C-alpha atoms as a PDB file:
ATOM      1  CA  MET A   1       0.000   0.000   0.000  1.00  0.00           C
ATOM      2  CA  VAL A   2       1.213   3.543  -0.783  1.00  0.00           C
ATOM      3  CA  TRP A   3       0.674   6.596   1.378  1.00  0.00           C
ATOM      4  CA  VAL A   4       0.906  10.092  -0.054  1.00  0.00           C
ATOM      5  CA  HIS A   5       3.224  12.556   1.722  1.00  0.00           C
ATOM      6  CA  GLU A   6       1.608  15.897   2.562  1.00  0.00           C
ATOM      7  CA  ASP A   7       3.846  17.583  -0.040  1.00  0.00           C
ATOM      8  CA  GLY A   8       2.801  15.219  -2.797  1.00  0.00           C
ATOM      9  CA  LEU A   9       5.596  12.638  -2.517  1.00  0.00           C
ATOM     10  CA  ASP A  10       4.503   9.012  -2.891  1.00  0.00           C
ATOM     11  CA  VAL A  11       6.282   6.879  -0.301  1.00  0.00           C
ATOM     12  CA  SER A  12       5.851   3.235   0.664  1.00  0.00           C
ATOM     13  CA  GLU A  13       3.929   2.427   3.805  1.00  0.00           C
ATOM     14  CA  THR A  14       6.329   2.116   6.743  1.00  0.00           C
ATOM     15  CA  ARG A  15       5.635   1.042  10.296  1.00  0.00           C
ATOM     16  CA  GLN A  16       7.825   1.908  13.261  1.00  0.00           C
ATOM     17  CA  GLY A  17       6.247   1.058  16.583  1.00  0.00           C
ATOM     18  CA  GLY A  18       2.867   0.638  14.836  1.00  0.00           C
ATOM     19  CA  ARG A  19       2.864   4.085  13.219  1.00  0.00           C
ATOM     20  CA  ARG A  20       2.180   4.726   9.533  1.00  0.00           C
ATOM     21  CA  ASN A  21       4.681   6.719   7.450  1.00  0.00           C
ATOM     22  CA  ASP A  22       2.545   9.861   7.610  1.00  0.00           C
ATOM     23  CA  GLN A  23       2.853   9.798  11.411  1.00  0.00           C
ATOM     24  CA  LEU A  24       6.646   9.675  11.438  1.00  0.00           C
ATOM     25  CA  SER A  25       8.901  12.623  12.187  1.00  0.00           C
ATOM     26  CA  ILE A  26      10.871  14.177   9.329  1.00  0.00           C
ATOM     27  CA  ARG A  27      14.009  12.513  10.666  1.00  0.00           C
ATOM     28  CA  GLU A  28      12.335   9.100  10.547  1.00  0.00           C
ATOM     29  CA  LYS A  29      10.986   9.791   7.056  1.00  0.00           C
ATOM     30  CA  VAL A  30      14.473  10.740   5.863  1.00  0.00           C
ATOM     31  CA  ILE A  31      15.929   7.516   7.248  1.00  0.00           C
ATOM     32  CA  ASP A  32      13.147   5.543   5.551  1.00  0.00           C
ATOM     33  CA  LEU A  33      13.685   7.424   2.297  1.00  0.00           C
ATOM     34  CA  ILE A  34      17.368   6.531   2.208  1.00  0.00           C
ATOM     35  CA  ARG A  35      17.171   2.940   3.459  1.00  0.00           C
ATOM     36  CA  ASN A  36      13.882   1.719   1.999  1.00  0.00           C
ATOM     37  CA  LYS A  37      14.419   0.393  -1.531  1.00  0.00           C
ATOM     38  CA  ALA A  38      10.736   0.926  -2.315  1.00  0.00           C
ATOM     39  CA  THR A  39      11.066   4.726  -2.203  1.00  0.00           C
ATOM     40  CA  SER A  40      11.705   6.902  -5.233  1.00  0.00           C
ATOM     41  CA  LEU A  41      15.204   7.965  -4.166  1.00  0.00           C
ATOM     42  CA  PRO A  42      17.456   7.860  -7.252  1.00  0.00           C
ATOM     43  CA  THR A  43      19.808   4.889  -7.359  1.00  0.00           C
ATOM     44  CA  LEU A  44      23.323   5.273  -8.652  1.00  0.00           C
ATOM     45  CA  PRO A  45      24.046   3.857 -12.111  1.00  0.00           C
ATOM     46  CA  VAL A  46      25.911   0.537 -12.152  1.00  0.00           C
ATOM     47  CA  ILE A  47      29.000   2.261 -13.560  1.00  0.00           C
ATOM     48  CA  ILE A  48      29.167   4.611 -10.552  1.00  0.00           C
ATOM     49  CA  ASN A  49      28.805   1.700  -8.133  1.00  0.00           C
ATOM     50  CA  ASN A  50      31.658  -0.021  -9.961  1.00  0.00           C
ATOM     51  CA  ILE A  51      33.813   3.071  -9.604  1.00  0.00           C
ATOM     52  CA  ILE A  52      33.098   3.268  -5.854  1.00  0.00           C
ATOM     53  CA  VAL A  53      34.259  -0.342  -5.539  1.00  0.00           C
ATOM     54  CA  THR A  54      37.303   0.587  -7.627  1.00  0.00           C
ATOM     55  CA  ALA A  55      38.117   3.469  -5.309  1.00  0.00           C
ATOM     56  CA  LYS A  56      38.137   1.114  -2.311  1.00  0.00           C
ATOM     57  CA  SER A  57      40.271  -1.584  -3.939  1.00  0.00           C
ATOM     58  CA  ASP A  58      44.066  -1.600  -3.944  1.00  0.00           C
ATOM     59  CA  SER A  59      44.147  -4.144  -6.757  1.00  0.00           C
ATOM     60  CA  THR A  60      42.341  -2.109  -9.422  1.00  0.00           C
ATOM     61  CA  THR A  61      44.650  -0.881 -12.168  1.00  0.00           C
ATOM     62  CA  ALA A  62      44.518   2.265 -14.280  1.00  0.00           C
ATOM     63  CA  ASN A  63      43.487   0.076 -17.224  1.00  0.00           C
ATOM     64  CA  ASP A  64      40.550  -1.298 -15.206  1.00  0.00           C
ATOM     65  CA  LEU A  65      39.374   2.234 -14.389  1.00  0.00           C
ATOM     66  CA  ALA A  66      39.795   3.412 -17.987  1.00  0.00           C
ATOM     67  CA  ARG A  67      37.754   0.446 -19.208  1.00  0.00           C
ATOM     68  CA  PHE A  68      34.962   1.053 -16.652  1.00  0.00           C
ATOM     69  CA  ILE A  69      34.575   4.688 -17.653  1.00  0.00           C
ATOM     70  CA  SER A  70      35.135   4.283 -21.406  1.00  0.00           C
ATOM     71  CA  ASN A  71      32.349   1.696 -21.608  1.00  0.00           C
ATOM     72  CA  ASP A  72      29.852   4.416 -20.682  1.00  0.00           C
ATOM     73  CA  GLN A  73      29.937   6.972 -23.494  1.00  0.00           C
ATOM     74  CA  ALA A  74      27.991   9.697 -21.683  1.00  0.00           C
ATOM     75  CA  LEU A  75      30.122   9.460 -18.529  1.00  0.00           C
ATOM     76  CA  SER A  76      33.327   9.254 -20.556  1.00  0.00           C
ATOM     77  CA  ALA A  77      32.387  12.420 -22.453  1.00  0.00           C
ATOM     78  CA  ARG A  78      31.660  14.330 -19.232  1.00  0.00           C
ATOM     79  CA  VAL A  79      34.917  13.196 -17.592  1.00  0.00           C
ATOM     80  CA  LEU A  80      36.938  14.337 -20.600  1.00  0.00           C
ATOM     81  CA  LYS A  81      35.055  17.633 -20.707  1.00  0.00           C
ATOM     82  CA  ILE A  82      35.897  18.284 -17.055  1.00  0.00           C
ATOM     83  CA  ALA A  83      39.510  17.173 -17.532  1.00  0.00           C
ATOM     84  CA  ASN A  84      39.833  19.732 -20.319  1.00  0.00           C
ATOM     85  CA  SER A  85      38.099  22.510 -18.365  1.00  0.00           C
ATOM     86  CA  PRO A  86      39.920  25.633 -17.081  1.00  0.00           C
ATOM     87  CA  TYR A  87      39.936  24.054 -13.580  1.00  0.00           C
ATOM     88  CA  TYR A  88      42.912  21.907 -14.593  1.00  0.00           C
ATOM     89  CA  GLY A  89      44.421  24.388 -17.058  1.00  0.00           C
ATOM     90  CA  LEU A  90      46.242  21.741 -19.077  1.00  0.00           C
ATOM     91  CA  PRO A  91      48.297  22.957 -22.071  1.00  0.00           C
ATOM     92  CA  LYS A  92      47.221  20.113 -24.364  1.00  0.00           C
ATOM     93  CA  LYS A  93      43.810  18.604 -24.934  1.00  0.00           C
ATOM     94  CA  ILE A  94      43.190  15.192 -23.377  1.00  0.00           C
ATOM     95  CA  ASP A  95      41.352  12.909 -25.789  1.00  0.00           C
ATOM     96  CA  SER A  96      41.106   9.593 -23.913  1.00  0.00           C
ATOM     97  CA  ILE A  97      40.333   8.362 -20.404  1.00  0.00           C
ATOM     98  CA  SER A  98      43.644   6.483 -20.311  1.00  0.00           C
ATOM     99  CA  ARG A  99      45.496   9.707 -21.059  1.00  0.00           C
ATOM    100  CA  ALA A 100      43.445  11.595 -18.467  1.00  0.00           C
ATOM    101  CA  ILE A 101      44.442   9.060 -15.794  1.00  0.00           C
ATOM    102  CA  ILE A 102      48.117   9.503 -16.687  1.00  0.00           C
ATOM    103  CA  VAL A 103      48.035  13.314 -16.744  1.00  0.00           C
ATOM    104  CA  ILE A 104      45.550  14.112 -13.957  1.00  0.00           C
ATOM    105  CA  GLY A 105      45.892  11.042 -11.769  1.00  0.00           C
ATOM    106  CA  PHE A 106      44.064   7.815 -10.942  1.00  0.00           C
ATOM    107  CA  LYS A 107      42.232   9.030  -7.826  1.00  0.00           C
ATOM    108  CA  GLU A 108      41.420  12.419  -9.332  1.00  0.00           C
ATOM    109  CA  ILE A 109      39.692  10.784 -12.313  1.00  0.00           C
ATOM    110  CA  ILE A 110      37.734   8.597  -9.888  1.00  0.00           C
ATOM    111  CA  SER A 111      36.573  11.774  -8.129  1.00  0.00           C
ATOM    112  CA  ILE A 112      35.591  13.420 -11.424  1.00  0.00           C
ATOM    113  CA  ALA A 113      33.611  10.359 -12.511  1.00  0.00           C
ATOM    114  CA  LEU A 114      31.824  10.022  -9.184  1.00  0.00           C
ATOM    115  CA  GLY A 115      30.999  13.726  -8.996  1.00  0.00           C
ATOM    116  CA  SER A 116      29.632  13.731 -12.522  1.00  0.00           C
ATOM    117  CA  GLY A 117      27.509  10.638 -11.955  1.00  0.00           C
ATOM    118  CA  ILE A 118      26.024  11.880  -8.698  1.00  0.00           C
ATOM    119  CA  PHE A 119      25.351  15.313 -10.194  1.00  0.00           C
ATOM    120  CA  LYS A 120      23.281  13.657 -12.931  1.00  0.00           C
ATOM    121  CA  ALA A 121      21.484  11.374 -10.457  1.00  0.00           C
ATOM    122  CA  LEU A 122      20.536  14.112  -7.984  1.00  0.00           C
ATOM    123  CA  THR A 123      19.749  17.092 -10.219  1.00  0.00           C
ATOM    124  CA  PRO A 124      15.937  17.260 -10.413  1.00  0.00           C
ATOM    125  CA  LYS A 125      14.450  17.415 -13.891  1.00  0.00           C
ATOM    126  CA  SER A 126      11.741  19.789 -12.721  1.00  0.00           C
ATOM    127  CA  LYS A 127      12.587  23.469 -12.371  1.00  0.00           C
ATOM    128  CA  ASP A 128       9.864  23.841  -9.745  1.00  0.00           C
ATOM    129  CA  VAL A 129      12.045  23.746  -6.619  1.00  0.00           C
ATOM    130  CA  LEU A 130      12.518  26.232  -3.782  1.00  0.00           C
ATOM    131  CA  LEU A 131      16.107  27.129  -4.729  1.00  0.00           C
ATOM    132  CA  ASP A 132      17.913  27.694  -8.003  1.00  0.00           C
ATOM    133  CA  MET A 133      19.694  24.346  -8.424  1.00  0.00           C
ATOM    134  CA  ASN A 134      22.356  25.802 -10.715  1.00  0.00           C
ATOM    135  CA  GLU A 135      23.273  28.328  -8.029  1.00  0.00           C
ATOM    136  CA  LEU A 136      23.416  25.597  -5.366  1.00  0.00           C
ATOM    137  CA  TRP A 137      25.717  23.488  -7.564  1.00  0.00           C
ATOM    138  CA  LYS A 138      27.867  26.540  -8.350  1.00  0.00           C
ATOM    139  CA  HIS A 139      28.312  27.082  -4.610  1.00  0.00           C
ATOM    140  CA  SER A 140      29.287  23.437  -4.164  1.00  0.00           C
ATOM    141  CA  ILE A 141      31.782  23.556  -7.036  1.00  0.00           C
ATOM    142  CA  GLY A 142      33.159  26.760  -5.565  1.00  0.00           C
ATOM    143  CA  VAL A 143      33.718  25.017  -2.223  1.00  0.00           C
ATOM    144  CA  GLY A 144      35.794  22.423  -4.060  1.00  0.00           C
ATOM    145  CA  PHE A 145      37.801  25.192  -5.748  1.00  0.00           C
ATOM    146  CA  ALA A 146      38.263  27.081  -2.476  1.00  0.00           C
ATOM    147  CA  SER A 147      39.373  23.934  -0.658  1.00  0.00           C
ATOM    148  CA  ARG A 148      42.154  23.511  -3.199  1.00  0.00           C
ATOM    149  CA  GLN A 149      43.166  27.136  -2.741  1.00  0.00           C
ATOM    150  CA  ILE A 150      43.315  26.663   1.043  1.00  0.00           C
ATOM    151  CA  GLU A 151      45.450  23.545   0.623  1.00  0.00           C
ATOM    152  CA  MET A 152      47.895  25.464  -1.557  1.00  0.00           C
ATOM    153  CA  THR A 153      47.969  28.521   0.715  1.00  0.00           C
ATOM    154  CA  THR A 154      48.562  26.493   3.873  1.00  0.00           C
ATOM    155  CA  LYS A 155      50.955  24.114   2.062  1.00  0.00           C
ATOM    156  CA  LYS A 156      48.949  21.126   3.226  1.00  0.00           C
ATOM    157  CA  SER A 157      49.082  17.883   1.264  1.00  0.00           C
ATOM    158  CA  MET A 158      46.812  17.981  -1.774  1.00  0.00           C
ATOM    159  CA  GLU A 159      43.965  15.478  -1.514  1.00  0.00           C
ATOM    160  CA  GLU A 160      42.715  13.999  -4.786  1.00  0.00           C
ATOM    161  CA  SER A 161      39.079  13.927  -3.652  1.00  0.00           C
ATOM    162  CA  THR A 162      38.979  17.549  -2.446  1.00  0.00           C
ATOM    163  CA  MET A 163      36.772  18.677  -5.336  1.00  0.00           C
ATOM    164  CA  LEU A 164      34.429  15.730  -4.790  1.00  0.00           C
ATOM    165  CA  VAL A 165      33.930  16.513  -1.084  1.00  0.00           C
ATOM    166  CA  GLY A 166      33.175  20.138  -1.960  1.00  0.00           C
ATOM    167  CA  LEU A 167      30.782  19.114  -4.715  1.00  0.00           C
ATOM    168  CA  LEU A 168      28.822  16.776  -2.426  1.00  0.00           C
ATOM    169  CA  HIS A 169      28.890  18.655   0.887  1.00  0.00           C
ATOM    170  CA  ASP A 170      25.395  20.169   0.455  1.00  0.00           C
ATOM    171  CA  ILE A 171      23.543  17.302  -1.259  1.00  0.00           C
ATOM    172  CA  GLY A 172      21.427  16.874   1.870  1.00  0.00           C
ATOM    173  CA  LYS A 173      19.747  20.157   0.947  1.00  0.00           C
ATOM    174  CA  ILE A 174      18.818  18.665  -2.421  1.00  0.00           C
ATOM    175  CA  LEU A 175      17.010  15.781  -0.706  1.00  0.00           C
ATOM    176  CA  PHE A 176      15.138  18.256   1.496  1.00  0.00           C
ATOM    177  CA  LEU A 177      14.177  20.328  -1.554  1.00  0.00           C
ATOM    178  CA  ILE A 178      12.991  17.384  -3.636  1.00  0.00           C
ATOM    179  CA  TYR A 179      11.283  15.198  -1.043  1.00  0.00           C
ATOM    180  CA  PHE A 180      10.235  17.575   1.765  1.00  0.00           C
ATOM    181  CA  PRO A 181       9.607  20.950   0.062  1.00  0.00           C
ATOM    182  CA  GLY A 182       6.813  22.037   2.390  1.00  0.00           C
ATOM    183  CA  ASP A 183       8.799  21.363   5.544  1.00  0.00           C
ATOM    184  CA  TYR A 184      11.966  22.867   4.096  1.00  0.00           C
ATOM    185  CA  SER A 185      10.095  25.987   3.041  1.00  0.00           C
ATOM    186  CA  GLU A 186       9.385  26.587   6.735  1.00  0.00           C
ATOM    187  CA  VAL A 187      13.100  26.180   7.480  1.00  0.00           C
ATOM    188  CA  LEU A 188      14.035  28.751   4.837  1.00  0.00           C
ATOM    189  CA  VAL A 189      11.425  31.233   6.056  1.00  0.00           C
ATOM    190  CA  LYS A 190      12.631  30.851   9.647  1.00  0.00           C
ATOM    191  CA  HIS A 191      16.246  31.312   8.517  1.00  0.00           C
ATOM    192  CA  HIS A 192      15.402  34.552   6.711  1.00  0.00           C
ATOM    193  CA  GLU A 193      13.396  35.854   9.658  1.00  0.00           C
ATOM    194  CA  ASP A 194      15.892  35.034  12.416  1.00  0.00           C
ATOM    195  CA  GLY A 195      19.264  34.794  10.647  1.00  0.00           C
ATOM    196  CA  ILE A 196      20.165  31.698  12.678  1.00  0.00           C
ATOM    197  CA  PRO A 197      22.505  29.336  10.772  1.00  0.00           C
ATOM    198  CA  LEU A 198      20.519  27.166   8.392  1.00  0.00           C
ATOM    199  CA  TYR A 199      21.784  23.848   9.759  1.00  0.00           C
ATOM    200  CA  GLU A 200      20.683  24.809  13.289  1.00  0.00           C
ATOM    201  CA  ILE A 201      17.150  25.588  12.103  1.00  0.00           C
ATOM    202  CA  GLU A 202      17.068  22.294  10.179  1.00  0.00           C
ATOM    203  CA  GLN A 203      18.001  20.472  13.374  1.00  0.00           C
ATOM    204  CA  ASN A 204      15.486  22.402  15.487  1.00  0.00           C
ATOM    205  CA  LEU A 205      12.521  22.046  13.131  1.00  0.00           C
ATOM    206  CA  LEU A 206      13.233  18.749  11.351  1.00  0.00           C
ATOM    207  CA  GLU A 207      15.426  16.939  13.925  1.00  0.00           C
ATOM    208  CA  ILE A 208      18.104  16.393  11.271  1.00  0.00           C
ATOM    209  CA  ASP A 209      20.365  18.702   9.261  1.00  0.00           C
ATOM    210  CA  HIS A 210      21.557  18.539   5.657  1.00  0.00           C
ATOM    211  CA  SER A 211      25.037  17.320   6.552  1.00  0.00           C
ATOM    212  CA  GLU A 212      23.691  14.278   8.414  1.00  0.00           C
ATOM    213  CA  ILE A 213      21.371  13.403   5.523  1.00  0.00           C
ATOM    214  CA  ALA A 214      24.319  13.630   3.126  1.00  0.00           C
ATOM    215  CA  TYR A 215      26.358  11.366   5.405  1.00  0.00           C
ATOM    216  CA  MET A 216      23.579   8.772   5.551  1.00  0.00           C
ATOM    217  CA  LEU A 217      23.346   8.792   1.764  1.00  0.00           C
ATOM    218  CA  MET A 218      27.125   8.489   1.398  1.00  0.00           C
ATOM    219  CA  LYS A 219      27.138   5.472   3.724  1.00  0.00           C
ATOM    220  CA  GLN A 220      24.237   3.909   1.851  1.00  0.00           C
ATOM    221  CA  TRP A 221      26.257   4.310  -1.346  1.00  0.00           C
ATOM    222  CA  ASN A 222      29.357   2.806   0.347  1.00  0.00           C
ATOM    223  CA  PHE A 223      31.517   5.920   0.074  1.00  0.00           C
ATOM    224  CA  PRO A 224      34.804   5.851   2.026  1.00  0.00           C
ATOM    225  CA  ASP A 225      35.093   7.668   5.359  1.00  0.00           C
ATOM    226  CA  ASN A 226      37.573  10.245   4.018  1.00  0.00           C
ATOM    227  CA  ILE A 227      34.702  11.636   1.907  1.00  0.00           C
ATOM    228  CA  SER A 228      31.615  10.972   4.028  1.00  0.00           C
ATOM    229  CA  ILE A 229      32.906  12.062   7.446  1.00  0.00           C
ATOM    230  CA  PRO A 230      34.130  15.574   6.471  1.00  0.00           C
ATOM    231  CA  ILE A 231      30.736  16.101   4.825  1.00  0.00           C
ATOM    232  CA  ARG A 232      28.981  14.937   8.003  1.00  0.00           C
ATOM    233  CA  TYR A 233      30.847  17.341  10.306  1.00  0.00           C
ATOM    234  CA  HIS A 234      31.572  20.370   8.124  1.00  0.00           C
ATOM    235  CA  HIS A 235      29.290  22.511  10.337  1.00  0.00           C
ATOM    236  CA  ARG A 236      29.997  20.711  13.622  1.00  0.00           C
ATOM    237  CA  ILE A 237      33.774  20.760  13.772  1.00  0.00           C
ATOM    238  CA  THR A 238      34.111  19.937  17.472  1.00  0.00           C
ATOM    239  CA  ASP A 239      32.320  16.599  16.959  1.00  0.00           C
ATOM    240  CA  CYS A 240      34.570  15.481  14.101  1.00  0.00           C
ATOM    241  CA  PRO A 241      36.893  12.476  14.635  1.00  0.00           C
ATOM    242  CA  PHE A 242      40.476  13.698  14.859  1.00  0.00           C
ATOM    243  CA  GLU A 243      41.780  11.798  11.831  1.00  0.00           C
ATOM    244  CA  HIS A 244      39.344  13.664   9.557  1.00  0.00           C
ATOM    245  CA  LEU A 245      39.555  17.037  11.300  1.00  0.00           C
ATOM    246  CA  ASN A 246      41.910  18.804   8.893  1.00  0.00           C
ATOM    247  CA  ARG A 247      39.844  18.156   5.799  1.00  0.00           C
ATOM    248  CA  THR A 248      36.632  18.972   7.648  1.00  0.00           C
ATOM    249  CA  MET A 249      38.027  22.359   8.715  1.00  0.00           C
ATOM    250  CA  ILE A 250      39.127  23.047   5.133  1.00  0.00           C
ATOM    251  CA  ILE A 251      35.598  22.388   3.848  1.00  0.00           C
ATOM    252  CA  ASN A 252      34.153  24.629   6.572  1.00  0.00           C
ATOM    253  CA  ALA A 253      36.512  27.497   5.722  1.00  0.00           C
ATOM    254  CA  ALA A 254      35.951  26.999   1.971  1.00  0.00           C
ATOM    255  CA  ASP A 255      32.183  27.173   2.535  1.00  0.00           C
ATOM    256  CA  TYR A 256      32.648  30.550   4.238  1.00  0.00           C
ATOM    257  CA  LEU A 257      34.943  31.827   1.460  1.00  0.00           C
ATOM    258  CA  CYS A 258      32.458  30.962  -1.285  1.00  0.00           C
ATOM    259  CA  GLN A 259      29.580  32.606   0.514  1.00  0.00           C
ATOM    260  CA  SER A 260      31.678  35.731   1.123  1.00  0.00           C
ATOM    261  CA  ALA A 261      32.770  35.815  -2.527  1.00  0.00           C
ATOM    262  CA  GLY A 262      29.212  35.323  -3.782  1.00  0.00           C
ATOM    263  CA  ILE A 263      29.962  32.083  -5.629  1.00  0.00           C
ATOM    264  CA  GLY A 264      26.562  30.532  -6.288  1.00  0.00           C
ATOM    265  CA  HIS A 265      23.966  30.455  -3.544  1.00  0.00           C
ATOM    266  CA  SER A 266      23.631  27.868  -0.764  1.00  0.00           C
ATOM    267  CA  ALA A 267      20.444  29.306   0.831  1.00  0.00           C
ATOM    268  CA  ASN A 268      22.470  30.797   3.699  1.00  0.00           C
ATOM    269  CA  ILE A 269      21.912  34.528   4.074  1.00  0.00           C
ATOM    270  CA  ASN A 270      24.780  35.085   6.534  1.00  0.00           C
ATOM    271  CA  PRO A 271      28.222  33.530   5.935  1.00  0.00           C
ATOM    272  CA  GLU A 272      29.258  31.794   9.146  1.00  0.00           C
ATOM    273  CA  ARG A 273      32.908  32.493   9.904  1.00  0.00           C
ATOM    274  CA  LYS A 274      34.534  30.243  12.504  1.00  0.00           C
ATOM    275  CA  ASP A 275      37.688  32.105  13.564  1.00  0.00           C
ATOM    276  CA  GLU A 276      38.908  29.105  15.556  1.00  0.00           C
ATOM    277  CA  VAL A 277      38.878  27.037  12.349  1.00  0.00           C
ATOM    278  CA  ILE A 278      40.689  29.702  10.354  1.00  0.00           C
ATOM    279  CA  SER A 279      43.280  29.997  13.095  1.00  0.00           C
ATOM    280  CA  ALA A 280      43.724  26.210  13.354  1.00  0.00           C
ATOM    281  CA  LEU A 281      44.374  26.064   9.611  1.00  0.00           C
ATOM    282  CA  GLY A 282      47.101  28.677  10.028  1.00  0.00           C
ATOM    283  CA  LEU A 283      45.354  31.306   7.913  1.00  0.00           C
ATOM    284  CA  SER A 284      45.721  35.010   8.681  1.00  0.00           C
ATOM    285  CA  ALA A 285      43.058  37.679   8.174  1.00  0.00           C
ATOM    286  CA  GLY A 286      45.042  38.962   5.196  1.00  0.00           C
ATOM    287  CA  GLN A 287      45.119  35.514   3.613  1.00  0.00           C
ATOM    288  CA  ILE A 288      41.364  35.149   4.036  1.00  0.00           C
ATOM    289  CA  GLU A 289      40.881  38.439   2.192  1.00  0.00           C
ATOM    290  CA  GLU A 290      43.232  37.299  -0.576  1.00  0.00           C
ATOM    291  CA  LEU A 291      41.477  33.957  -0.884  1.00  0.00           C
ATOM    292  CA  THR A 292      38.102  35.695  -1.087  1.00  0.00           C
ATOM    293  CA  GLU A 293      39.363  37.839  -3.974  1.00  0.00           C
ATOM    294  CA  THR A 294      40.808  34.747  -5.634  1.00  0.00           C
ATOM    295  CA  MET A 295      37.422  33.066  -5.464  1.00  0.00           C
ATOM    296  CA  LYS A 296      35.697  36.112  -6.954  1.00  0.00           C
ATOM    297  CA  ALA A 297      38.051  35.768  -9.912  1.00  0.00           C
ATOM    298  CA  CYS A 298      37.075  32.088 -10.296  1.00  0.00           C
ATOM    299  CA  ARG A 299      33.461  32.661 -11.348  1.00  0.00           C
ATOM    300  CA  ASP A 300      34.092  31.845 -15.023  1.00  0.00           C
ATOM    301  CA  GLN A 301      35.943  28.663 -14.055  1.00  0.00           C
ATOM    302  CA  VAL A 302      33.051  27.612 -11.814  1.00  0.00           C
ATOM    303  CA  ASP A 303      30.576  28.252 -14.645  1.00  0.00           C
ATOM    304  CA  SER A 304      32.742  26.177 -17.027  1.00  0.00           C
ATOM    305  CA  PHE A 305      32.961  23.312 -14.545  1.00  0.00           C
ATOM    306  CA  LEU A 306      29.171  23.303 -14.047  1.00  0.00           C
ATOM    307  CA  GLU A 307      28.641  23.309 -17.816  1.00  0.00           C
ATOM    308  CA  ALA A 308      31.015  20.336 -18.125  1.00  0.00           C
ATOM    309  CA  LEU A 309      29.140  18.422 -15.411  1.00  0.00           C
ATOM    310  CA  SER A 310      25.760  18.968 -17.106  1.00  0.00           C
END
């Protein structure tokens, strides 16, 4: 039997302690949405699942990865388009996945492929959503860009999946927008009225915030901890496990930089600056200003990257 959500979403009947789905809290509905195979949550294409397995395996070769991606013409075309985008600034055009792996790197191509596949899976076909999805994706791409800039400025080791973590850090908002638009509309109104950080209002009104939803989805899709955990704690730094703290702080600071630079729109009206995070990363006030200006100059690159993903 199917029950109809108050916002028009068809969801399978679920019972927890004898209650029907329409009597569950938003948190419980989110958990059901992600874990219940009978819901309409998009599933990842087989090729993307294969690439996630590839990312976790030490035995997969560059030839294996090239074959996985090349067998899917649409994905292959998007990966090459991104590899040849201004983000990488390569002097010569890359015309094959094998060449892209050699020039850009094995793990970086995995990140590009995963980001592209998830972008396609989670971008709603309907334009009738509460936020401009292009602007939300631009913000997310910008966070990936800014994270790289922070890594270079602080001379921290460059992580291949930095762009991917930035790209996916706000996907919980997309699930709210698609599946719980009525409830999330109340969150957005409250945020604009009170100016309280968006994730705090999500937690107060819905009992779950967008970063936790994203984490649940990442775990359901078997993503590694070095991607899912920084996404989970990018607003709640003090709760983050120590081994993932550095990357989590980078994502937090990059989020602030993009909002300050006006790169896309994440639904937050007030950029939240955590000075303790900036200090822990070893960034000065002058460097934050420089990084903000750098991000303002990256708008065309962000637009190009979004166009390549589409």
